Amino acid sequence: MLFLLILSQIGYSQKMDSTIHFLGTLYDANSYKPIKYAHIINIDNNRATISDTLGNFDIKLKPGDSLMITSIGYQEKFYQYTGEWQKVVFENIPLKERIYKISKVEITPWGTYEDFKKRFLNLDIKTPREKVHPLVWEDLPEKPEKIEPVEPGITSPISLIYNIFSKEGKAKRKYQKLQKKEAREKKIQSKFNREIVGNLTGLEGEKLDRFMEFCNFTDEYILNTKKYFILKRVKLKYKQFMKLDSLNSVKLEQK
């Protein structure tokens, strides 16, 4: 009897430790068409796969694991399996289309640069001498007497002084700094922001703000770490945060 009990406990523990065979289907939330070649990553166990031409994919996971799903033309989606252990799970997952912002396009009648160059060279430009008596031009100089100062070259020593002390040089350096700062902030936001963390954890509002402060990721860490590993750490931090939050709630109730 004791032997059978031990065997049943071992079998039960093996069952609970086993991974789930997750069979998913990705489809467009509006048109219901299958989404092919999407990337599906389990950020909890380092597994990844790609959906086929019918939007189907096959990946192994455990209860509580989160999938990060990305596809060109669709919004990034996080899916967490919260059901109980089963040998095989079938799930249909919709993705919403993503709207991309593009810069304005200027349309000109000249076509390509080569077309513009050809038309420009073939322009019939009339010289002002044609409409003025020839004697008027006799005492007028062909070129301006005063030569305009040429902007210092890059390799010139004067160029260095010019770029350091001139208003134009200072403005240029300031603009370059702003560009670098904007590019840096954009890169940070693409890896770690409220929307990503909220979708991954399910938190929102003030609790989401507290959790992001709890993560305490530095800008350098976010910049130098791949998004996958950042999200994996977010999951770990989330578990710690929820334990502390529950503990604080119990202390408040006791008071």
C-alpha atoms as a PDB file:
ATOM      1  CA  MET A   1       0.000   0.000   0.000  1.00  0.00           C
ATOM      2  CA  LEU A   2       2.822   2.372   0.923  1.00  0.00           C
ATOM      3  CA  PHE A   3       4.635   1.436  -2.301  1.00  0.00           C
ATOM      4  CA  LEU A   4       1.567   2.301  -4.403  1.00  0.00           C
ATOM      5  CA  LEU A   5       1.168   5.612  -2.577  1.00  0.00           C
ATOM      6  CA  ILE A   6       4.797   6.546  -3.288  1.00  0.00           C
ATOM      7  CA  LEU A   7       4.402   5.634  -6.964  1.00  0.00           C
ATOM      8  CA  SER A   8       1.251   7.731  -7.278  1.00  0.00           C
ATOM      9  CA  GLN A   9       2.984  10.728  -5.677  1.00  0.00           C
ATOM     10  CA  ILE A  10       5.963  10.371  -8.037  1.00  0.00           C
ATOM     11  CA  GLY A  11       3.640  10.124 -11.031  1.00  0.00           C
ATOM     12  CA  TYR A  12       1.685  13.187  -9.890  1.00  0.00           C
ATOM     13  CA  SER A  13       4.855  15.241  -9.360  1.00  0.00           C
ATOM     14  CA  GLN A  14       6.172  14.257 -12.782  1.00  0.00           C
ATOM     15  CA  LYS A  15       2.870  15.291 -14.305  1.00  0.00           C
ATOM     16  CA  MET A  16       2.967  18.692 -12.614  1.00  0.00           C
ATOM     17  CA  ASP A  17       6.616  19.255 -13.641  1.00  0.00           C
ATOM     18  CA  SER A  18       5.983  18.357 -17.275  1.00  0.00           C
ATOM     19  CA  THR A  19       5.609  21.046 -19.916  1.00  0.00           C
ATOM     20  CA  ILE A  20       2.408  21.642 -21.865  1.00  0.00           C
ATOM     21  CA  HIS A  21       2.192  21.062 -25.612  1.00  0.00           C
ATOM     22  CA  PHE A  22       0.727  24.439 -26.638  1.00  0.00           C
ATOM     23  CA  LEU A  23      -0.822  24.550 -30.130  1.00  0.00           C
ATOM     24  CA  GLY A  24      -1.813  28.089 -31.084  1.00  0.00           C
ATOM     25  CA  THR A  25      -3.334  29.814 -34.092  1.00  0.00           C
ATOM     26  CA  LEU A  26      -2.707  33.483 -34.853  1.00  0.00           C
ATOM     27  CA  TYR A  27      -5.277  35.472 -36.806  1.00  0.00           C
ATOM     28  CA  ASP A  28      -6.060  39.079 -37.756  1.00  0.00           C
ATOM     29  CA  ALA A  29      -8.502  40.597 -35.221  1.00  0.00           C
ATOM     30  CA  ASN A  30     -10.430  42.375 -38.006  1.00  0.00           C
ATOM     31  CA  SER A  31     -10.267  40.155 -41.084  1.00  0.00           C
ATOM     32  CA  TYR A  32      -9.801  36.815 -39.249  1.00  0.00           C
ATOM     33  CA  LYS A  33      -7.119  35.881 -41.768  1.00  0.00           C
ATOM     34  CA  PRO A  34      -4.241  33.711 -40.490  1.00  0.00           C
ATOM     35  CA  ILE A  35      -0.998  35.507 -39.652  1.00  0.00           C
ATOM     36  CA  LYS A  36       2.019  33.717 -41.063  1.00  0.00           C
ATOM     37  CA  TYR A  37       5.700  33.939 -40.141  1.00  0.00           C
ATOM     38  CA  ALA A  38       5.051  35.593 -36.761  1.00  0.00           C
ATOM     39  CA  HIS A  39       7.687  35.144 -34.039  1.00  0.00           C
ATOM     40  CA  ILE A  40       6.552  33.510 -30.788  1.00  0.00           C
ATOM     41  CA  ILE A  41       8.984  33.575 -27.846  1.00  0.00           C
ATOM     42  CA  ASN A  42       8.443  32.017 -24.427  1.00  0.00           C
ATOM     43  CA  ILE A  43      10.284  34.533 -22.258  1.00  0.00           C
ATOM     44  CA  ASP A  44      10.297  32.127 -19.313  1.00  0.00           C
ATOM     45  CA  ASN A  45      12.049  29.075 -20.788  1.00  0.00           C
ATOM     46  CA  ASN A  46      14.135  30.333 -23.760  1.00  0.00           C
ATOM     47  CA  ARG A  47      11.957  28.583 -26.362  1.00  0.00           C
ATOM     48  CA  ALA A  48      10.885  30.204 -29.629  1.00  0.00           C
ATOM     49  CA  THR A  49       9.099  29.316 -32.844  1.00  0.00           C
ATOM     50  CA  ILE A  50       7.497  30.806 -35.989  1.00  0.00           C
ATOM     51  CA  SER A  51       3.904  30.460 -37.186  1.00  0.00           C
ATOM     52  CA  ASP A  52       3.324  28.636 -40.484  1.00  0.00           C
ATOM     53  CA  THR A  53       1.362  29.870 -43.532  1.00  0.00           C
ATOM     54  CA  LEU A  54      -1.920  29.024 -41.768  1.00  0.00           C
ATOM     55  CA  GLY A  55      -0.957  30.940 -38.620  1.00  0.00           C
ATOM     56  CA  ASN A  56      -0.370  27.774 -36.578  1.00  0.00           C
ATOM     57  CA  PHE A  57       2.504  27.312 -34.155  1.00  0.00           C
ATOM     58  CA  ASP A  58       3.653  24.747 -31.630  1.00  0.00           C
ATOM     59  CA  ILE A  59       5.583  25.604 -28.463  1.00  0.00           C
ATOM     60  CA  LYS A  60       6.155  24.092 -25.019  1.00  0.00           C
ATOM     61  CA  LEU A  61       5.311  26.001 -21.849  1.00  0.00           C
ATOM     62  CA  LYS A  62       4.234  25.690 -18.234  1.00  0.00           C
ATOM     63  CA  PRO A  63       1.275  27.316 -16.453  1.00  0.00           C
ATOM     64  CA  GLY A  64       2.149  30.965 -15.854  1.00  0.00           C
ATOM     65  CA  ASP A  65       4.597  31.231 -18.757  1.00  0.00           C
ATOM     66  CA  SER A  66       4.315  34.301 -20.999  1.00  0.00           C
ATOM     67  CA  LEU A  67       4.602  34.379 -24.780  1.00  0.00           C
ATOM     68  CA  MET A  68       5.817  37.440 -26.654  1.00  0.00           C
ATOM     69  CA  ILE A  69       4.293  37.487 -30.155  1.00  0.00           C
ATOM     70  CA  THR A  70       5.566  39.839 -32.864  1.00  0.00           C
ATOM     71  CA  SER A  71       4.763  40.161 -36.557  1.00  0.00           C
ATOM     72  CA  ILE A  72       5.364  42.879 -39.148  1.00  0.00           C
ATOM     73  CA  GLY A  73       2.244  45.004 -39.527  1.00  0.00           C
ATOM     74  CA  TYR A  74       0.769  43.998 -36.147  1.00  0.00           C
ATOM     75  CA  GLN A  75       0.977  45.240 -32.580  1.00  0.00           C
ATOM     76  CA  GLU A  76       3.252  43.357 -30.230  1.00  0.00           C
ATOM     77  CA  LYS A  77       1.236  41.018 -27.993  1.00  0.00           C
ATOM     78  CA  PHE A  78       1.907  39.249 -24.704  1.00  0.00           C
ATOM     79  CA  TYR A  79      -0.052  36.105 -23.954  1.00  0.00           C
ATOM     80  CA  GLN A  80       0.099  34.347 -20.589  1.00  0.00           C
ATOM     81  CA  TYR A  81      -1.266  30.850 -20.131  1.00  0.00           C
ATOM     82  CA  THR A  82      -3.055  30.825 -16.760  1.00  0.00           C
ATOM     83  CA  GLY A  83      -4.899  27.502 -17.079  1.00  0.00           C
ATOM     84  CA  GLU A  84      -4.120  24.256 -15.335  1.00  0.00           C
ATOM     85  CA  TRP A  85      -1.677  21.629 -16.526  1.00  0.00           C
ATOM     86  CA  GLN A  86      -2.841  19.642 -19.533  1.00  0.00           C
ATOM     87  CA  LYS A  87      -0.984  17.462 -21.952  1.00  0.00           C
ATOM     88  CA  VAL A  88      -2.111  19.481 -24.985  1.00  0.00           C
ATOM     89  CA  VAL A  89      -3.714  22.943 -25.154  1.00  0.00           C
ATOM     90  CA  PHE A  90      -5.338  24.539 -28.224  1.00  0.00           C
ATOM     91  CA  GLU A  91      -5.722  28.331 -28.312  1.00  0.00           C
ATOM     92  CA  ASN A  92      -6.696  30.954 -30.929  1.00  0.00           C
ATOM     93  CA  ILE A  93      -4.903  34.279 -30.462  1.00  0.00           C
ATOM     94  CA  PRO A  94      -5.942  37.495 -32.304  1.00  0.00           C
ATOM     95  CA  LEU A  95      -3.469  40.242 -33.241  1.00  0.00           C
ATOM     96  CA  LYS A  96      -4.368  43.866 -33.939  1.00  0.00           C
ATOM     97  CA  GLU A  97      -3.003  45.743 -36.935  1.00  0.00           C
ATOM     98  CA  ARG A  98      -0.303  48.293 -36.241  1.00  0.00           C
ATOM     99  CA  ILE A  99      -0.353  51.803 -37.727  1.00  0.00           C
ATOM    100  CA  TYR A 100       3.098  53.054 -38.710  1.00  0.00           C
ATOM    101  CA  LYS A 101       3.851  56.778 -38.719  1.00  0.00           C
ATOM    102  CA  ILE A 102       5.871  57.902 -41.746  1.00  0.00           C
ATOM    103  CA  SER A 103       7.443  61.240 -42.529  1.00  0.00           C
ATOM    104  CA  LYS A 104       5.891  63.487 -45.138  1.00  0.00           C
ATOM    105  CA  VAL A 105       6.724  62.873 -48.787  1.00  0.00           C
ATOM    106  CA  GLU A 106       7.381  65.785 -51.124  1.00  0.00           C
ATOM    107  CA  ILE A 107       6.252  65.245 -54.717  1.00  0.00           C
ATOM    108  CA  THR A 108       7.926  67.299 -57.459  1.00  0.00           C
ATOM    109  CA  PRO A 109       7.302  67.462 -61.218  1.00  0.00           C
ATOM    110  CA  TRP A 110      10.963  66.716 -61.963  1.00  0.00           C
ATOM    111  CA  GLY A 111      10.893  62.952 -61.370  1.00  0.00           C
ATOM    112  CA  THR A 112      14.316  61.528 -60.488  1.00  0.00           C
ATOM    113  CA  TYR A 113      17.468  63.525 -59.829  1.00  0.00           C
ATOM    114  CA  GLU A 114      18.779  62.587 -63.264  1.00  0.00           C
ATOM    115  CA  ASP A 115      15.575  63.941 -64.882  1.00  0.00           C
ATOM    116  CA  PHE A 116      15.934  67.173 -62.935  1.00  0.00           C
ATOM    117  CA  LYS A 117      19.610  67.502 -63.879  1.00  0.00           C
ATOM    118  CA  LYS A 118      18.853  66.916 -67.576  1.00  0.00           C
ATOM    119  CA  ARG A 119      16.034  69.470 -67.667  1.00  0.00           C
ATOM    120  CA  PHE A 120      18.065  72.022 -65.731  1.00  0.00           C
ATOM    121  CA  LEU A 121      21.035  71.772 -68.111  1.00  0.00           C
ATOM    122  CA  ASN A 122      18.712  72.157 -71.096  1.00  0.00           C
ATOM    123  CA  LEU A 123      16.997  75.277 -69.760  1.00  0.00           C
ATOM    124  CA  ASP A 124      17.144  78.268 -72.084  1.00  0.00           C
ATOM    125  CA  ILE A 125      18.414  81.008 -69.768  1.00  0.00           C
ATOM    126  CA  LYS A 126      18.604  84.496 -71.228  1.00  0.00           C
ATOM    127  CA  THR A 127      21.490  86.720 -70.227  1.00  0.00           C
ATOM    128  CA  PRO A 128      20.647  90.288 -69.050  1.00  0.00           C
ATOM    129  CA  ARG A 129      23.082  91.682 -71.692  1.00  0.00           C
ATOM    130  CA  GLU A 130      20.556  90.814 -74.390  1.00  0.00           C
ATOM    131  CA  LYS A 131      18.089  93.501 -73.270  1.00  0.00           C
ATOM    132  CA  VAL A 132      20.622  96.208 -72.341  1.00  0.00           C
ATOM    133  CA  HIS A 133      22.773  98.379 -74.634  1.00  0.00           C
ATOM    134  CA  PRO A 134      26.356  96.988 -74.879  1.00  0.00           C
ATOM    135  CA  LEU A 135      27.906 100.292 -73.762  1.00  0.00           C
ATOM    136  CA  VAL A 136      26.253  99.976 -70.359  1.00  0.00           C
ATOM    137  CA  TRP A 137      28.412  96.943 -69.544  1.00  0.00           C
ATOM    138  CA  GLU A 138      31.765  98.454 -70.504  1.00  0.00           C
ATOM    139  CA  ASP A 139      32.672  99.989 -67.112  1.00  0.00           C
ATOM    140  CA  LEU A 140      30.992  97.351 -64.935  1.00  0.00           C
ATOM    141  CA  PRO A 141      33.198  94.640 -63.410  1.00  0.00           C
ATOM    142  CA  GLU A 142      32.543  91.048 -64.430  1.00  0.00           C
ATOM    143  CA  LYS A 143      33.091  89.788 -60.835  1.00  0.00           C
ATOM    144  CA  PRO A 144      32.539  91.366 -57.407  1.00  0.00           C
ATOM    145  CA  GLU A 145      35.573  93.250 -56.189  1.00  0.00           C
ATOM    146  CA  LYS A 146      35.262  91.918 -52.638  1.00  0.00           C
ATOM    147  CA  ILE A 147      35.587  88.167 -52.301  1.00  0.00           C
ATOM    148  CA  GLU A 148      33.221  86.636 -49.729  1.00  0.00           C
ATOM    149  CA  PRO A 149      35.032  84.770 -46.941  1.00  0.00           C
ATOM    150  CA  VAL A 150      34.974  81.023 -47.434  1.00  0.00           C
ATOM    151  CA  GLU A 151      33.786  78.885 -44.556  1.00  0.00           C
ATOM    152  CA  PRO A 152      36.771  77.129 -42.964  1.00  0.00           C
ATOM    153  CA  GLY A 153      37.308  73.580 -44.077  1.00  0.00           C
ATOM    154  CA  ILE A 154      37.025  70.600 -41.758  1.00  0.00           C
ATOM    155  CA  THR A 155      40.764  69.954 -41.797  1.00  0.00           C
ATOM    156  CA  SER A 156      41.685  73.591 -41.282  1.00  0.00           C
ATOM    157  CA  PRO A 157      42.915  74.735 -37.834  1.00  0.00           C
ATOM    158  CA  ILE A 158      40.622  77.751 -38.203  1.00  0.00           C
ATOM    159  CA  SER A 159      37.718  75.351 -38.589  1.00  0.00           C
ATOM    160  CA  LEU A 160      38.208  74.070 -35.062  1.00  0.00           C
ATOM    161  CA  ILE A 161      38.150  77.587 -33.613  1.00  0.00           C
ATOM    162  CA  TYR A 162      35.159  78.478 -35.776  1.00  0.00           C
ATOM    163  CA  ASN A 163      33.148  75.457 -34.656  1.00  0.00           C
ATOM    164  CA  ILE A 164      33.951  76.053 -30.983  1.00  0.00           C
ATOM    165  CA  PHE A 165      33.275  79.776 -30.682  1.00  0.00           C
ATOM    166  CA  SER A 166      30.872  80.720 -33.481  1.00  0.00           C
ATOM    167  CA  LYS A 167      27.105  80.846 -32.982  1.00  0.00           C
ATOM    168  CA  GLU A 168      26.631  78.477 -35.904  1.00  0.00           C
ATOM    169  CA  GLY A 169      29.046  75.960 -34.399  1.00  0.00           C
ATOM    170  CA  LYS A 170      27.379  76.124 -30.989  1.00  0.00           C
ATOM    171  CA  ALA A 171      23.927  75.740 -32.537  1.00  0.00           C
ATOM    172  CA  LYS A 172      25.112  72.751 -34.567  1.00  0.00           C
ATOM    173  CA  ARG A 173      26.589  71.030 -31.490  1.00  0.00           C
ATOM    174  CA  LYS A 174      23.409  71.691 -29.515  1.00  0.00           C
ATOM    175  CA  TYR A 175      21.291  70.205 -32.315  1.00  0.00           C
ATOM    176  CA  GLN A 176      23.523  67.121 -32.505  1.00  0.00           C
ATOM    177  CA  LYS A 177      23.218  66.609 -28.743  1.00  0.00           C
ATOM    178  CA  LEU A 178      19.428  66.842 -28.964  1.00  0.00           C
ATOM    179  CA  GLN A 179      19.406  64.285 -31.798  1.00  0.00           C
ATOM    180  CA  LYS A 180      21.525  61.856 -29.762  1.00  0.00           C
ATOM    181  CA  LYS A 181      19.331  62.374 -26.698  1.00  0.00           C
ATOM    182  CA  GLU A 182      16.135  61.752 -28.690  1.00  0.00           C
ATOM    183  CA  ALA A 183      17.597  58.607 -30.285  1.00  0.00           C
ATOM    184  CA  ARG A 184      18.691  57.350 -26.847  1.00  0.00           C
ATOM    185  CA  GLU A 185      15.248  57.952 -25.282  1.00  0.00           C
ATOM    186  CA  LYS A 186      13.514  56.336 -28.262  1.00  0.00           C
ATOM    187  CA  LYS A 187      15.656  53.215 -27.895  1.00  0.00           C
ATOM    188  CA  ILE A 188      14.901  53.009 -24.158  1.00  0.00           C
ATOM    189  CA  GLN A 189      11.153  53.445 -24.761  1.00  0.00           C
ATOM    190  CA  SER A 190      11.139  50.681 -27.377  1.00  0.00           C
ATOM    191  CA  LYS A 191      12.404  48.193 -24.777  1.00  0.00           C
ATOM    192  CA  PHE A 192      10.807  49.316 -21.512  1.00  0.00           C
ATOM    193  CA  ASN A 193       7.623  51.394 -21.230  1.00  0.00           C
ATOM    194  CA  ARG A 194       4.222  51.387 -19.510  1.00  0.00           C
ATOM    195  CA  GLU A 195       2.445  49.667 -22.392  1.00  0.00           C
ATOM    196  CA  ILE A 196       4.933  46.789 -22.633  1.00  0.00           C
ATOM    197  CA  VAL A 197       5.089  46.226 -18.862  1.00  0.00           C
ATOM    198  CA  GLY A 198       1.311  46.591 -18.476  1.00  0.00           C
ATOM    199  CA  ASN A 199       0.594  44.031 -21.213  1.00  0.00           C
ATOM    200  CA  LEU A 200       3.134  41.616 -19.759  1.00  0.00           C
ATOM    201  CA  THR A 201       2.038  41.819 -16.104  1.00  0.00           C
ATOM    202  CA  GLY A 202      -1.605  42.903 -16.304  1.00  0.00           C
ATOM    203  CA  LEU A 203      -0.905  45.812 -13.943  1.00  0.00           C
ATOM    204  CA  GLU A 204      -2.331  49.265 -14.553  1.00  0.00           C
ATOM    205  CA  GLY A 205      -2.693  52.688 -12.991  1.00  0.00           C
ATOM    206  CA  GLU A 206      -0.893  53.527  -9.770  1.00  0.00           C
ATOM    207  CA  LYS A 207       0.131  49.913  -9.173  1.00  0.00           C
ATOM    208  CA  LEU A 208       1.865  49.809 -12.546  1.00  0.00           C
ATOM    209  CA  ASP A 209       3.761  53.003 -11.682  1.00  0.00           C
ATOM    210  CA  ARG A 210       4.888  51.503  -8.357  1.00  0.00           C
ATOM    211  CA  PHE A 211       6.029  48.328 -10.088  1.00  0.00           C
ATOM    212  CA  MET A 212       8.088  50.205 -12.694  1.00  0.00           C
ATOM    213  CA  GLU A 213       9.767  52.129  -9.876  1.00  0.00           C
ATOM    214  CA  PHE A 214      10.345  48.804  -8.108  1.00  0.00           C
ATOM    215  CA  CYS A 215      12.132  47.448 -11.211  1.00  0.00           C
ATOM    216  CA  ASN A 216      14.614  50.336 -10.917  1.00  0.00           C
ATOM    217  CA  PHE A 217      16.305  49.628 -14.270  1.00  0.00           C
ATOM    218  CA  THR A 218      19.000  52.128 -15.217  1.00  0.00           C
ATOM    219  CA  ASP A 219      19.073  53.666 -18.684  1.00  0.00           C
ATOM    220  CA  GLU A 220      22.456  52.052 -19.324  1.00  0.00           C
ATOM    221  CA  TYR A 221      21.100  48.606 -18.462  1.00  0.00           C
ATOM    222  CA  ILE A 222      18.131  49.026 -20.831  1.00  0.00           C
ATOM    223  CA  LEU A 223      20.328  50.364 -23.648  1.00  0.00           C
ATOM    224  CA  ASN A 224      22.913  47.589 -23.381  1.00  0.00           C
ATOM    225  CA  THR A 225      20.537  44.651 -22.783  1.00  0.00           C
ATOM    226  CA  LYS A 226      18.411  42.820 -25.335  1.00  0.00           C
ATOM    227  CA  LYS A 227      14.670  43.261 -24.979  1.00  0.00           C
ATOM    228  CA  TYR A 228      14.134  39.537 -24.383  1.00  0.00           C
ATOM    229  CA  PHE A 229      16.351  39.525 -21.267  1.00  0.00           C
ATOM    230  CA  ILE A 230      14.764  42.757 -19.977  1.00  0.00           C
ATOM    231  CA  LEU A 231      11.287  41.187 -20.194  1.00  0.00           C
ATOM    232  CA  LYS A 232      12.557  38.044 -18.507  1.00  0.00           C
ATOM    233  CA  ARG A 233      13.832  40.167 -15.621  1.00  0.00           C
ATOM    234  CA  VAL A 234      10.514  42.047 -15.513  1.00  0.00           C
ATOM    235  CA  LYS A 235       8.745  38.711 -14.971  1.00  0.00           C
ATOM    236  CA  LEU A 236      11.098  37.884 -12.091  1.00  0.00           C
ATOM    237  CA  LYS A 237      10.636  41.337 -10.572  1.00  0.00           C
ATOM    238  CA  TYR A 238       6.864  40.981 -10.927  1.00  0.00           C
ATOM    239  CA  LYS A 239       6.843  37.834  -8.764  1.00  0.00           C
ATOM    240  CA  GLN A 240       8.942  39.602  -6.109  1.00  0.00           C
ATOM    241  CA  PHE A 241       6.728  42.690  -6.254  1.00  0.00           C
ATOM    242  CA  MET A 242       3.507  40.719  -5.815  1.00  0.00           C
ATOM    243  CA  LYS A 243       4.915  38.859  -2.790  1.00  0.00           C
ATOM    244  CA  LEU A 244       5.946  42.128  -1.139  1.00  0.00           C
ATOM    245  CA  ASP A 245       2.620  43.719  -2.032  1.00  0.00           C
ATOM    246  CA  SER A 246       0.718  40.820  -0.448  1.00  0.00           C
ATOM    247  CA  LEU A 247       2.917  41.020   2.651  1.00  0.00           C
ATOM    248  CA  ASN A 248       2.270  44.762   3.005  1.00  0.00           C
ATOM    249  CA  SER A 249      -1.472  44.190   2.637  1.00  0.00           C
ATOM    250  CA  VAL A 250      -1.417  41.647   5.466  1.00  0.00           C
ATOM    251  CA  LYS A 251       0.486  44.070   7.714  1.00  0.00           C
ATOM    252  CA  LEU A 252      -2.049  46.819   7.057  1.00  0.00           C
ATOM    253  CA  GLU A 253      -4.936  44.474   7.887  1.00  0.00           C
ATOM    254  CA  GLN A 254      -3.283  43.501  11.177  1.00  0.00           C
ATOM    255  CA  LYS A 255      -2.982  47.142  12.154  1.00  0.00           C
END
